[in-house]
């Protein structure tokens, strides 16, 4: 009886993991096929300062030479490409967000320069609203 309970518990645990893995794969697949709106934030890991954000219907990948490649869908059949070099001091995180009802293809790119540069003005690129 004890062995049966252990086997049943193992089966339930494995079923839960496989469903979670399947859901995770489906969400990533939808996101990389521009069906989900996401926001990427790049961080300087030494200072904990944000470097830039990219938000929109985006696909992400990083290549062998350390570049983060962000492809942004800007309309039906229209795309823009954004590159950022990742290093030991630069990392990024990504979160799913909601699309803007007015324009589902709206996107936003913002750069946050060094604190000394902020005194002279901030770089802010808003390309589509």
Protein backbone atom coordinates (compact mmCIF):
# COMPACT_ATOMS: atom_id res chain seq x y z
CA UNK A 1 0.00 0.00 0.00
CA UNK A 2 2.82 2.39 0.89
CA UNK A 3 4.49 1.77 -2.49
CA UNK A 4 1.23 2.53 -4.31
CA UNK A 5 0.90 5.88 -2.51
CA UNK A 6 4.49 6.80 -3.37
CA UNK A 7 3.92 5.90 -7.03
CA UNK A 8 0.67 7.92 -7.14
CA UNK A 9 2.36 10.92 -5.54
CA UNK A 10 5.18 10.69 -8.08
CA UNK A 11 2.71 10.50 -10.98
CA UNK A 12 0.84 13.59 -9.73
CA UNK A 13 4.10 15.48 -9.25
CA UNK A 14 5.33 14.60 -12.75
CA UNK A 15 1.98 15.49 -14.31
CA UNK A 16 2.07 18.93 -12.68
CA UNK A 17 5.62 19.55 -13.91
CA UNK A 18 4.81 18.53 -17.44
CA UNK A 19 1.74 20.80 -17.53
CA UNK A 20 3.76 23.72 -16.17
CA UNK A 21 6.49 23.04 -18.73
CA UNK A 22 3.90 22.92 -21.51
CA UNK A 23 2.28 26.19 -20.39
CA UNK A 24 5.71 27.84 -20.09
CA UNK A 25 6.64 26.70 -23.61
CA UNK A 26 3.29 27.91 -25.03
CA UNK A 27 3.68 31.37 -23.46
CA UNK A 28 7.24 31.72 -24.75
CA UNK A 29 6.17 30.56 -28.20
CA UNK A 30 3.28 33.09 -28.28
CA UNK A 31 5.59 35.86 -27.05
CA UNK A 32 8.24 35.15 -29.69
CA UNK A 33 5.51 35.10 -32.35
CA UNK A 34 4.43 38.64 -31.34
CA UNK A 35 1.12 37.60 -29.76
CA UNK A 36 2.00 38.92 -26.29
CA UNK A 37 3.07 42.40 -25.20
CA UNK A 38 6.21 42.40 -23.06
CA UNK A 39 8.56 44.84 -21.37
CA UNK A 40 12.33 44.34 -21.20
CA UNK A 41 14.40 46.24 -18.64
CA UNK A 42 18.21 46.22 -18.88
CA UNK A 43 20.10 46.78 -15.64
CA UNK A 44 23.64 47.71 -14.72
CA UNK A 45 24.41 45.04 -12.12
CA UNK A 46 27.19 47.09 -10.47
CA UNK A 47 25.04 50.15 -9.79
CA UNK A 48 21.53 48.61 -9.99
CA UNK A 49 20.57 51.44 -12.36
CA UNK A 50 18.23 50.78 -15.29
CA UNK A 51 19.89 51.37 -18.68
CA UNK A 52 16.91 51.12 -21.02
CA UNK A 53 13.45 49.65 -21.45
CA UNK A 54 11.75 48.26 -24.54
CA UNK A 55 8.01 47.56 -24.49
CA UNK A 56 5.73 46.19 -27.18
CA UNK A 57 5.05 43.02 -29.14
CA UNK A 58 8.62 41.78 -29.08
CA UNK A 59 10.65 38.67 -29.72
CA UNK A 60 13.88 38.18 -27.78
CA UNK A 61 17.03 36.20 -28.35
CA UNK A 62 20.67 36.60 -27.44
CA UNK A 63 23.43 35.59 -29.79
CA UNK A 64 26.88 34.11 -29.25
CA UNK A 65 28.72 37.44 -29.21
CA UNK A 66 26.68 38.79 -26.30
CA UNK A 67 24.02 40.83 -28.08
CA UNK A 68 20.42 40.95 -26.97
CA UNK A 69 18.34 41.08 -30.16
CA UNK A 70 14.88 42.57 -29.73
CA UNK A 71 12.58 42.36 -32.76
CA UNK A 72 9.58 44.68 -32.39
CA UNK A 73 6.38 44.18 -34.38
CA UNK A 74 5.19 47.67 -35.35
CA UNK A 75 2.21 46.71 -37.53
CA UNK A 76 0.96 43.99 -39.82
CA UNK A 77 4.09 42.75 -41.55
CA UNK A 78 6.22 45.63 -40.16
CA UNK A 79 9.15 45.13 -37.78
CA UNK A 80 12.06 47.04 -36.21
CA UNK A 81 15.22 45.59 -34.72
CA UNK A 82 16.87 46.78 -31.50
CA UNK A 83 20.29 45.50 -30.36
CA UNK A 84 21.93 45.81 -26.97
CA UNK A 85 25.26 44.32 -25.96
CA UNK A 86 25.13 42.24 -22.78
CA UNK A 87 28.22 42.08 -20.59
CA UNK A 88 29.27 40.99 -17.12
CA UNK A 89 27.78 44.23 -15.78
CA UNK A 90 24.61 44.32 -17.91
CA UNK A 91 21.68 41.95 -17.63
CA UNK A 92 17.99 42.12 -18.47
CA UNK A 93 14.63 40.94 -17.29
CA UNK A 94 11.38 40.61 -19.21
CA UNK A 95 7.74 40.66 -18.08
CA UNK A 96 4.44 40.17 -19.87
CA UNK A 97 2.27 43.30 -19.98
CA UNK A 98 -1.05 44.28 -21.53
CA UNK A 99 -1.33 45.72 -25.05
CA UNK A 100 -2.59 49.26 -25.43
CA UNK A 101 -6.20 49.21 -26.66
CA UNK A 102 -5.70 52.29 -28.86
CA UNK A 103 -2.83 50.72 -30.81
CA UNK A 104 -1.91 47.06 -30.22
CA UNK A 105 1.37 47.61 -32.09
CA UNK A 106 2.48 50.61 -30.02
CA UNK A 107 6.03 50.32 -28.76
CA UNK A 108 8.27 52.36 -26.51
CA UNK A 109 12.05 52.52 -26.17
CA UNK A 110 13.60 54.59 -23.37
CA UNK A 111 17.27 55.06 -22.52
CA UNK A 112 18.41 56.08 -19.06
CA UNK A 113 21.84 57.71 -19.31
CA UNK A 114 24.43 58.04 -16.57
CA UNK A 115 23.47 60.33 -13.71
CA UNK A 116 25.91 63.04 -14.84
CA UNK A 117 24.20 63.17 -18.24
CA UNK A 118 20.72 63.51 -16.69
CA UNK A 119 21.63 67.02 -15.57
CA UNK A 120 22.03 67.96 -19.24
CA UNK A 121 18.88 66.19 -20.43
CA UNK A 122 17.48 62.68 -20.75
CA UNK A 123 17.29 60.66 -23.92
CA UNK A 124 13.72 59.44 -24.44
CA UNK A 125 12.60 57.79 -27.65
CA UNK A 126 8.88 57.20 -27.97
CA UNK A 127 8.32 56.03 -31.47
CA UNK A 128 4.71 55.17 -31.83
CA UNK A 129 1.97 56.67 -29.71
